């Protein structure tokens, strides 16, 4: 995987804009530490930073194709998992290839099918193609939005890139945030409205969409969406279909010219992927390496909560021994979690969820020492209805995003003036209603079935993008690629119509997936109660960030002060608030420190 950047201008000669484009690609050098490339023409400047995974010798970008006097150029980030089949199909149509890379296959797919090329792709991708023949820019993004792609229009110029920092490094773009951007931060954060990039007049290409730009304007096309229909397969056929798709996608996603490893938490999702990958490695006489996260003194400090039922470490050892992996346990302490707290914010260019992202970043930092690519279990809970929210009536009946039910306190700490300006409850309600209006309900569904389908839609289209974003940024900040087999669009399409009661067969969440992993995992692992991504329970972490928060509150120059109820936040940081304490306090402080650091480091100008 890589990082991309581009600048198209129909009224300015870009032939000599090397310095500006270099700044744009230098901003994402972490995404592609192995090589860089730039290409310029009168109307286009394309840039690329490369992380070598496939075809070390032949995948240099931007990649160009000459058609007479015109050039078609591509800058591409991601992996096309079916590129070998596509290459064969294109060769039969007369296309000739000079490399073994999936980039060249994508370029020729565009030459053959134009914008319809995206209909032929199975992968995770974000790309920009400049076609001189028609004076046209195409931006495309994968089905679920695993790979990021942002853009901004400034006059006659179109700017695009893998991360917001690419655009912010261009002289035409200012780091401005308006009322709506702040509403996204404080009312929906860390999730975002699809297409919204927080910064004023900067946008994100939506998952499953492509865009075209010419002198006549822009067009947006949704090439993939969830479609509801009756599920006709019986339970055995459904289990076998799920197993077959997962086996195929894992096999495809192990293709690389660099070492591939697997993340392992001891939970159902990562353990199942580890089992499938371990079988593939074993067939080649090789041994899979696995990695897990643990915290210093976790055995002593661990506390059960709403999302975490038990410790991961004993289950990790069980799976590693069963599958026969070479396992590596990465142990983190509160000191490093606090030291690197703002690093994921710099990776995302936006506030995040604090320690949960910091630990991911530090985990990938260690994994990068041994490998370049890892498999991860994102999307399983969203598409198999695994989260606790799916199984409790109060969440199914809620008229706000289900994950917001437990974040009632997030607006309690805002100043009265700021709260009046952004109207948090009104903004949340409107965004929720907008999302509900998109849900493709199936005629004849019961009220409960409609609520379950609605819940699934919210998680796939609103919550999953946040999960994918944090995984992409924390990994790519280390020049490390993460692949997500559960995000294969074929699996998501199929499971979208599998009835909730079938997904939860055997009276347990993700029961259908547990059956699909029979003969892959031991029964005790398959039926382990769900436990979320680990979080440190070390009291010194809360104390450390509380001291930091008090320092921020005591500094009159802290940019967050006008936005918050200073005395309420002070009481929380001092452990004196009568309502907000413990994990709730930690979540608030983590987030406010991220917001303050973001406003400060990015020199954000608030425009009301």
Foldseek 3Di string as FASTA:
>chain_A
DWKKKKKFFPPFFCQPVVVLQCLLRVLQCLLAVPDKDWDGGGGMIIIIGHQAWAFPPPDDDQDWDDDDPWIKTKYKDWAFLCLVVLVVVLVVVPDDDDTPGSNVSLVSLCVVPNPCSLVVTWIFMWMWMQTRVQRKIKIDGAQQRLFWKKWADDPRMIIMIRAPVSVCSHPRDAQAAELVLVLCQQQVPPWGQFQDDSGPRMTIQGHQKMKMQHPVGMDIDRNDDAAADADDDDLVVLLVVLLVLLLVLLVSVCDTPWDEAAEDQLALQRLLSNLSNLVVQVVVVHAHEYEYEEEVCCVVQDDDDPFAHDHRVVSRVQSCVVSVHRYDYDYYYLVQQVVCQQVLCSLRLHFHQTSLLSRLLVRLLVVVVHTFEYEDAAPCCLLLVAHVLLVDPVQLPDLFQSVCVVVVCSCVWWDPVSCVSNVSVVVRNVSSVVQLVPQNDDPPDDPSQSSSLSNSSCCSRIVSSSVSSSNVRSNSSNNHYYDHSSVRVVNSNSSSNDGNCSCCPVVHRSPSSLVSCVVSHDNCSSPPHGHDRDDDSDPVNLLVLLVVVVVLLPDPPQPCVNTTNSVQLNCASVVNDPPAHDPRSVSNSSRSVNNSCSCPVSVYDYDD
